[in-house]
Amino acid sequence: NYLNEHNLLLFLSTNLNITTNFLHLHTQKKMSHRKEQLLAKIGQEGFDLIDEFWGKRKERPSPPQRPNNQAPSSLYKYYPQQSHVVKLHPSEAKVYNINSYEAVQMYQGVEYFSSKRKSSTAAVAF
């Protein structure tokens, strides 16, 4: 059994090598009809030997397949990532620019003056 398998593999590798060399030599040229037939014959002989040694496909059981009514493996559905857009509406309230004197009056603050400055007296409001 081992010798038969070894001989078959040796024959197939030789055929494969011949076929590969044949294809390599004729890739740039168009193959004639006779060369195409020869290549098909070599391939068919190789597959016939494989079928003879290991048996035809229909004699071997097919691989198990999942039944069509089987539940999916995941219960979660994939949703692609979406960008989030947030629209900011400008405030309806008006913005006022006020100085420190107006802020003191508006918020009942206290004004402090610094006497250390020479010509301009700086006011600080809290």
N, C-alpha and C. Protein backbone atom coordinates (compact mmCIF):
# COMPACT_ATOMS: atom_id res chain seq x y z
N ASN A 1 0.83 -1.20 0.00
CA ASN A 1 0.00 0.00 0.00
C ASN A 1 0.87 1.25 0.00
N TYR A 2 1.94 1.24 0.82
CA TYR A 2 2.84 2.39 0.88
C TYR A 2 3.53 2.60 -0.46
N LEU A 3 3.96 1.48 -1.11
CA LEU A 3 4.64 1.61 -2.40
C LEU A 3 3.70 2.15 -3.47
N ASN A 4 2.45 1.70 -3.44
CA ASN A 4 1.48 2.22 -4.41
C ASN A 4 1.28 3.71 -4.23
N GLU A 5 1.14 4.12 -2.97
CA GLU A 5 0.96 5.55 -2.69
C GLU A 5 2.20 6.34 -3.10
N HIS A 6 3.37 5.79 -2.80
CA HIS A 6 4.62 6.47 -3.14
C HIS A 6 4.76 6.59 -4.66
N ASN A 7 4.46 5.49 -5.38
CA ASN A 7 4.55 5.52 -6.85
C ASN A 7 3.55 6.50 -7.44
N LEU A 8 2.36 6.54 -6.88
CA LEU A 8 1.35 7.47 -7.38
C LEU A 8 1.80 8.91 -7.18
N LEU A 9 2.29 9.19 -5.98
CA LEU A 9 2.74 10.56 -5.70
C LEU A 9 3.92 10.93 -6.58
N LEU A 10 4.83 9.99 -6.82
CA LEU A 10 5.97 10.25 -7.70
C LEU A 10 5.48 10.52 -9.12
N PHE A 11 4.53 9.71 -9.60
CA PHE A 11 3.99 9.92 -10.94
C PHE A 11 3.28 11.27 -11.05
N LEU A 12 2.47 11.59 -10.03
CA LEU A 12 1.75 12.87 -10.06
C LEU A 12 2.70 14.05 -10.01
N SER A 13 3.74 13.96 -9.19
CA SER A 13 4.68 15.07 -9.12
C SER A 13 5.43 15.22 -10.43
N THR A 14 5.75 14.09 -11.09
CA THR A 14 6.41 14.16 -12.40
C THR A 14 5.48 14.78 -13.42
N ASN A 15 4.21 14.32 -13.42
CA ASN A 15 3.23 14.90 -14.34
C ASN A 15 3.03 16.38 -14.08
N LEU A 16 2.98 16.74 -12.80
CA LEU A 16 2.79 18.14 -12.44
C LEU A 16 3.97 18.96 -12.90
N ASN A 17 5.18 18.40 -12.76
CA ASN A 17 6.38 19.10 -13.20
C ASN A 17 6.37 19.28 -14.72
N ILE A 18 5.98 18.24 -15.46
CA ILE A 18 5.90 18.33 -16.92
C ILE A 18 4.85 19.36 -17.31
N THR A 19 3.69 19.31 -16.65
CA THR A 19 2.61 20.26 -16.96
C THR A 19 3.05 21.68 -16.65
N THR A 20 3.73 21.89 -15.52
CA THR A 20 4.19 23.22 -15.16
C THR A 20 5.19 23.74 -16.17
N ASN A 21 6.14 22.88 -16.58
CA ASN A 21 7.12 23.29 -17.59
C ASN A 21 6.44 23.60 -18.91
N PHE A 22 5.46 22.78 -19.27
CA PHE A 22 4.72 23.00 -20.51
C PHE A 22 4.02 24.35 -20.49
N LEU A 23 3.36 24.66 -19.37
CA LEU A 23 2.67 25.94 -19.26
C LEU A 23 3.65 27.10 -19.27
N HIS A 24 4.78 26.92 -18.61
CA HIS A 24 5.78 27.99 -18.53
C HIS A 24 6.33 28.32 -19.92
N LEU A 25 6.58 27.30 -20.74
CA LEU A 25 7.15 27.52 -22.06
C LEU A 25 6.16 28.20 -23.00
N HIS A 26 4.88 27.99 -22.77
CA HIS A 26 3.89 28.47 -23.73
C HIS A 26 2.98 29.57 -23.20
N THR A 27 3.38 30.25 -22.15
CA THR A 27 2.52 31.31 -21.63
C THR A 27 2.52 32.53 -22.54
N GLN A 28 3.65 32.81 -23.19
CA GLN A 28 3.74 33.99 -24.04
C GLN A 28 3.09 33.75 -25.41
N LYS A 29 3.07 32.50 -25.87
CA LYS A 29 2.50 32.18 -27.18
C LYS A 29 1.08 31.66 -27.00
N LYS A 30 0.31 31.81 -28.06
CA LYS A 30 -1.02 31.21 -28.04
C LYS A 30 -0.88 29.71 -28.24
N MET A 31 -1.60 28.95 -27.44
CA MET A 31 -1.52 27.50 -27.57
C MET A 31 -2.36 27.04 -28.75
N SER A 32 -1.81 26.10 -29.47
CA SER A 32 -2.58 25.52 -30.56
C SER A 32 -3.63 24.57 -29.97
N HIS A 33 -4.55 24.19 -30.80
CA HIS A 33 -5.63 23.30 -30.34
C HIS A 33 -5.05 21.96 -29.88
N ARG A 34 -4.03 21.47 -30.58
CA ARG A 34 -3.42 20.19 -30.22
C ARG A 34 -2.73 20.27 -28.86
N LYS A 35 -2.06 21.37 -28.58
CA LYS A 35 -1.37 21.53 -27.29
C LYS A 35 -2.38 21.63 -26.14
N GLU A 36 -3.48 22.30 -26.40
CA GLU A 36 -4.53 22.38 -25.38
C GLU A 36 -5.10 21.00 -25.08
N GLN A 37 -5.29 20.20 -26.15
CA GLN A 37 -5.80 18.85 -25.95
C GLN A 37 -4.81 18.00 -25.16
N LEU A 38 -3.50 18.17 -25.45
CA LEU A 38 -2.48 17.41 -24.73
C LEU A 38 -2.48 17.78 -23.25
N LEU A 39 -2.57 19.07 -22.97
CA LEU A 39 -2.60 19.52 -21.58
C LEU A 39 -3.84 18.99 -20.85
N ALA A 40 -4.99 19.02 -21.52
CA ALA A 40 -6.22 18.49 -20.92
C ALA A 40 -6.09 16.99 -20.66
N LYS A 41 -5.44 16.27 -21.58
CA LYS A 41 -5.25 14.82 -21.42
C LYS A 41 -4.36 14.52 -20.21
N ILE A 42 -3.26 15.29 -20.07
CA ILE A 42 -2.36 15.09 -18.93
C ILE A 42 -3.10 15.34 -17.61
N GLY A 43 -3.87 16.41 -17.56
CA GLY A 43 -4.64 16.71 -16.36
C GLY A 43 -5.66 15.64 -16.04
N GLN A 44 -6.36 15.16 -17.08
CA GLN A 44 -7.38 14.14 -16.87
C GLN A 44 -6.76 12.84 -16.37
N GLU A 45 -5.59 12.48 -16.92
CA GLU A 45 -4.90 11.27 -16.45
C GLU A 45 -4.53 11.38 -14.98
N GLY A 46 -4.05 12.56 -14.59
CA GLY A 46 -3.70 12.76 -13.18
C GLY A 46 -4.90 12.62 -12.26
N PHE A 47 -6.01 13.23 -12.64
CA PHE A 47 -7.22 13.13 -11.81
C PHE A 47 -7.79 11.71 -11.82
N ASP A 48 -7.66 11.01 -12.95
CA ASP A 48 -8.11 9.61 -12.99
C ASP A 48 -7.31 8.75 -12.03
N LEU A 49 -5.98 9.00 -11.96
CA LEU A 49 -5.15 8.23 -11.02
C LEU A 49 -5.52 8.54 -9.58
N ILE A 50 -5.81 9.79 -9.30
CA ILE A 50 -6.23 10.15 -7.94
C ILE A 50 -7.54 9.45 -7.60
N ASP A 51 -8.49 9.47 -8.54
CA ASP A 51 -9.78 8.80 -8.30
C ASP A 51 -9.59 7.29 -8.13
N GLU A 52 -8.67 6.70 -8.90
CA GLU A 52 -8.44 5.26 -8.81
C GLU A 52 -7.83 4.90 -7.46
N PHE A 53 -6.92 5.72 -6.98
CA PHE A 53 -6.23 5.40 -5.73
C PHE A 53 -7.10 5.68 -4.51
N TRP A 54 -7.72 6.85 -4.47
CA TRP A 54 -8.50 7.23 -3.28
C TRP A 54 -9.99 7.01 -3.45
N GLY A 55 -10.43 6.65 -4.60
CA GLY A 55 -11.86 6.45 -4.83
C GLY A 55 -12.49 7.72 -5.36
N LYS A 56 -13.58 7.53 -6.06
CA LYS A 56 -14.25 8.69 -6.64
C LYS A 56 -14.95 9.49 -5.56
N ARG A 57 -15.27 10.69 -5.87
CA ARG A 57 -15.88 11.62 -4.91
C ARG A 57 -17.21 11.09 -4.39
N LYS A 58 -18.03 10.51 -5.25
CA LYS A 58 -19.35 10.07 -4.81
C LYS A 58 -19.29 8.87 -3.87
N GLU A 59 -18.15 8.16 -3.85
CA GLU A 59 -18.01 7.03 -2.94
C GLU A 59 -17.68 7.48 -1.53
N ARG A 60 -17.09 8.66 -1.40
CA ARG A 60 -16.76 9.19 -0.08
C ARG A 60 -17.90 10.08 0.41
N PRO A 61 -18.14 10.10 1.72
CA PRO A 61 -19.22 10.96 2.23
C PRO A 61 -18.83 12.44 2.08
N SER A 62 -19.83 13.25 1.83
CA SER A 62 -19.58 14.68 1.69
C SER A 62 -19.37 15.29 3.08
N PRO A 63 -18.67 16.40 3.15
CA PRO A 63 -18.46 17.03 4.47
C PRO A 63 -19.79 17.52 5.04
N PRO A 64 -19.92 17.51 6.36
CA PRO A 64 -21.19 17.94 6.97
C PRO A 64 -21.46 19.41 6.68
N GLN A 65 -22.73 19.71 6.46
CA GLN A 65 -23.13 21.09 6.18
C GLN A 65 -24.14 21.53 7.22
N ARG A 66 -24.14 22.83 7.49
CA ARG A 66 -25.06 23.39 8.47
C ARG A 66 -26.46 23.46 7.86
N PRO A 67 -27.48 23.03 8.58
CA PRO A 67 -28.85 23.14 8.06
C PRO A 67 -29.24 24.61 7.88
N ASN A 68 -30.11 24.84 6.91
CA ASN A 68 -30.51 26.22 6.60
C ASN A 68 -31.32 26.87 7.70
N ASN A 69 -32.04 26.08 8.49
CA ASN A 69 -32.91 26.65 9.52
C ASN A 69 -32.20 26.86 10.85
N GLN A 70 -30.89 26.66 10.90
CA GLN A 70 -30.15 26.83 12.15
C GLN A 70 -30.06 28.32 12.49
N ALA A 71 -30.17 28.62 13.78
CA ALA A 71 -30.11 30.01 14.23
C ALA A 71 -28.71 30.58 13.99
N PRO A 72 -28.63 31.89 13.77
CA PRO A 72 -27.30 32.49 13.57
C PRO A 72 -26.46 32.37 14.84
N SER A 73 -25.15 32.43 14.68
CA SER A 73 -24.25 32.22 15.81
C SER A 73 -24.27 33.40 16.78
N SER A 74 -24.71 34.57 16.33
CA SER A 74 -24.73 35.74 17.20
C SER A 74 -26.13 36.34 17.22
N LEU A 75 -26.54 36.79 18.38
CA LEU A 75 -27.87 37.40 18.50
C LEU A 75 -27.82 38.91 18.28
N TYR A 76 -26.63 39.46 18.15
CA TYR A 76 -26.47 40.90 17.99
C TYR A 76 -26.34 41.25 16.52
N LYS A 77 -26.98 42.32 16.14
CA LYS A 77 -26.90 42.78 14.76
C LYS A 77 -25.84 43.86 14.67
N TYR A 78 -25.05 43.82 13.61
CA TYR A 78 -23.98 44.80 13.42
C TYR A 78 -24.54 46.07 12.80
N TYR A 79 -24.25 47.18 13.40
CA TYR A 79 -24.60 48.47 12.83
C TYR A 79 -23.30 49.23 12.61
N PRO A 80 -23.06 49.73 11.41
CA PRO A 80 -21.81 50.47 11.18
C PRO A 80 -21.77 51.74 12.01
N GLN A 81 -20.55 52.16 12.32
CA GLN A 81 -20.38 53.34 13.16
C GLN A 81 -20.86 54.57 12.40
N GLN A 82 -21.62 55.41 13.09
CA GLN A 82 -22.13 56.63 12.49
C GLN A 82 -21.59 57.81 13.25
N SER A 83 -21.39 58.90 12.53
CA SER A 83 -20.90 60.10 13.20
C SER A 83 -22.06 60.79 13.90
N HIS A 84 -21.79 61.37 15.04
CA HIS A 84 -22.80 62.06 15.81
C HIS A 84 -22.65 63.56 15.57
N VAL A 85 -23.71 64.20 15.15
CA VAL A 85 -23.68 65.62 14.86
C VAL A 85 -24.54 66.33 15.89
N VAL A 86 -23.96 67.30 16.54
CA VAL A 86 -24.69 68.09 17.53
C VAL A 86 -24.73 69.52 17.03
N LYS A 87 -25.93 70.06 16.88
CA LYS A 87 -26.07 71.44 16.44
C LYS A 87 -26.30 72.32 17.65
N LEU A 88 -25.48 73.32 17.78
CA LEU A 88 -25.62 74.26 18.88
C LEU A 88 -26.29 75.52 18.36
N HIS A 89 -27.38 75.90 19.02
CA HIS A 89 -28.07 77.12 18.63
C HIS A 89 -27.54 78.25 19.51
N PRO A 90 -27.27 79.38 18.91
CA PRO A 90 -26.78 80.49 19.74
C PRO A 90 -27.82 80.91 20.76
N SER A 91 -27.33 81.37 21.87
CA SER A 91 -28.21 81.77 22.96
C SER A 91 -29.09 82.93 22.52
N GLU A 92 -30.33 82.89 22.97
CA GLU A 92 -31.26 83.97 22.65
C GLU A 92 -30.93 85.24 23.42
N ALA A 93 -30.30 85.08 24.59
CA ALA A 93 -29.97 86.25 25.42
C ALA A 93 -28.86 87.04 24.75
N LYS A 94 -28.94 88.35 24.89
CA LYS A 94 -27.92 89.21 24.29
C LYS A 94 -26.71 89.27 25.21
N VAL A 95 -25.57 89.39 24.62
CA VAL A 95 -24.33 89.47 25.36
C VAL A 95 -23.91 90.93 25.40
N TYR A 96 -23.62 91.40 26.60
CA TYR A 96 -23.20 92.79 26.78
C TYR A 96 -21.74 92.81 27.22
N ASN A 97 -21.01 93.73 26.68
CA ASN A 97 -19.66 93.98 27.15
C ASN A 97 -19.75 95.14 28.14
N ILE A 98 -19.36 94.85 29.37
CA ILE A 98 -19.43 95.90 30.39
C ILE A 98 -18.07 96.06 31.03
N ASN A 99 -17.82 97.23 31.53
CA ASN A 99 -16.56 97.47 32.24
C ASN A 99 -16.76 97.23 33.73
N SER A 100 -15.70 97.39 34.48
CA SER A 100 -15.77 97.09 35.91
C SER A 100 -16.70 98.02 36.66
N TYR A 101 -16.83 99.27 36.24
CA TYR A 101 -17.73 100.21 36.92
C TYR A 101 -19.18 99.76 36.75
N GLU A 102 -19.54 99.35 35.53
CA GLU A 102 -20.91 98.89 35.28
C GLU A 102 -21.18 97.57 36.02
N ALA A 103 -20.17 96.71 36.14
CA ALA A 103 -20.34 95.44 36.84
C ALA A 103 -20.61 95.67 38.32
N VAL A 104 -19.92 96.64 38.92
CA VAL A 104 -20.14 96.96 40.33
C VAL A 104 -21.57 97.42 40.54
N GLN A 105 -22.06 98.25 39.66
CA GLN A 105 -23.43 98.76 39.81
C GLN A 105 -24.46 97.65 39.57
N MET A 106 -24.20 96.80 38.57
CA MET A 106 -25.18 95.77 38.21
C MET A 106 -25.26 94.68 39.28
N TYR A 107 -24.12 94.29 39.87
CA TYR A 107 -24.10 93.19 40.82
C TYR A 107 -23.86 93.64 42.25
N GLN A 108 -24.04 94.85 42.54
CA GLN A 108 -23.87 95.42 43.87
C GLN A 108 -22.51 95.03 44.47
N GLY A 109 -21.47 95.26 43.72
CA GLY A 109 -20.14 94.93 44.18
C GLY A 109 -19.48 96.11 44.87
N VAL A 110 -18.23 95.97 45.22
CA VAL A 110 -17.45 97.00 45.90
C VAL A 110 -16.28 97.37 45.00
N GLU A 111 -15.99 98.64 44.92
CA GLU A 111 -14.91 99.13 44.09
C GLU A 111 -13.73 99.50 44.97
N TYR A 112 -12.55 99.06 44.60
CA TYR A 112 -11.33 99.41 45.33
C TYR A 112 -10.41 100.18 44.39
N PHE A 113 -9.83 101.23 44.90
CA PHE A 113 -8.89 102.03 44.12
C PHE A 113 -7.51 101.86 44.70
N SER A 114 -6.56 101.79 43.84
CA SER A 114 -5.17 101.70 44.30
C SER A 114 -4.54 103.07 44.21
N SER A 115 -3.93 103.49 45.29
CA SER A 115 -3.31 104.81 45.30
C SER A 115 -1.83 104.73 44.95
N LYS A 116 -1.32 103.56 44.71
CA LYS A 116 0.10 103.40 44.41
C LYS A 116 0.42 103.80 42.97
N ARG A 117 -0.53 103.84 42.12
CA ARG A 117 -0.28 104.21 40.73
C ARG A 117 -0.18 105.72 40.64
N LYS A 118 0.63 106.15 39.73
CA LYS A 118 0.92 107.58 39.67
C LYS A 118 -0.19 108.36 38.99
N SER A 119 -0.23 108.33 37.66
CA SER A 119 -1.17 109.22 36.98
C SER A 119 -2.56 108.63 36.86
N SER A 120 -2.67 107.33 36.51
CA SER A 120 -4.01 106.75 36.36
C SER A 120 -4.32 105.87 37.55
N THR A 121 -5.43 106.10 38.17
CA THR A 121 -5.85 105.32 39.32
C THR A 121 -6.64 104.13 38.79
N ALA A 122 -6.17 102.90 39.08
CA ALA A 122 -6.83 101.70 38.59
C ALA A 122 -7.89 101.27 39.57
N ALA A 123 -9.06 100.97 39.04
CA ALA A 123 -10.16 100.50 39.88
C ALA A 123 -10.29 99.00 39.72
N VAL A 124 -10.49 98.31 40.81
CA VAL A 124 -10.68 96.87 40.81
C VAL A 124 -12.01 96.61 41.47
N ALA A 125 -12.85 95.84 40.79
CA ALA A 125 -14.17 95.56 41.34
C ALA A 125 -14.24 94.10 41.76
N PHE A 126 -14.93 93.85 42.88
CA PHE A 126 -15.15 92.49 43.38
C PHE A 126 -16.61 92.25 43.57
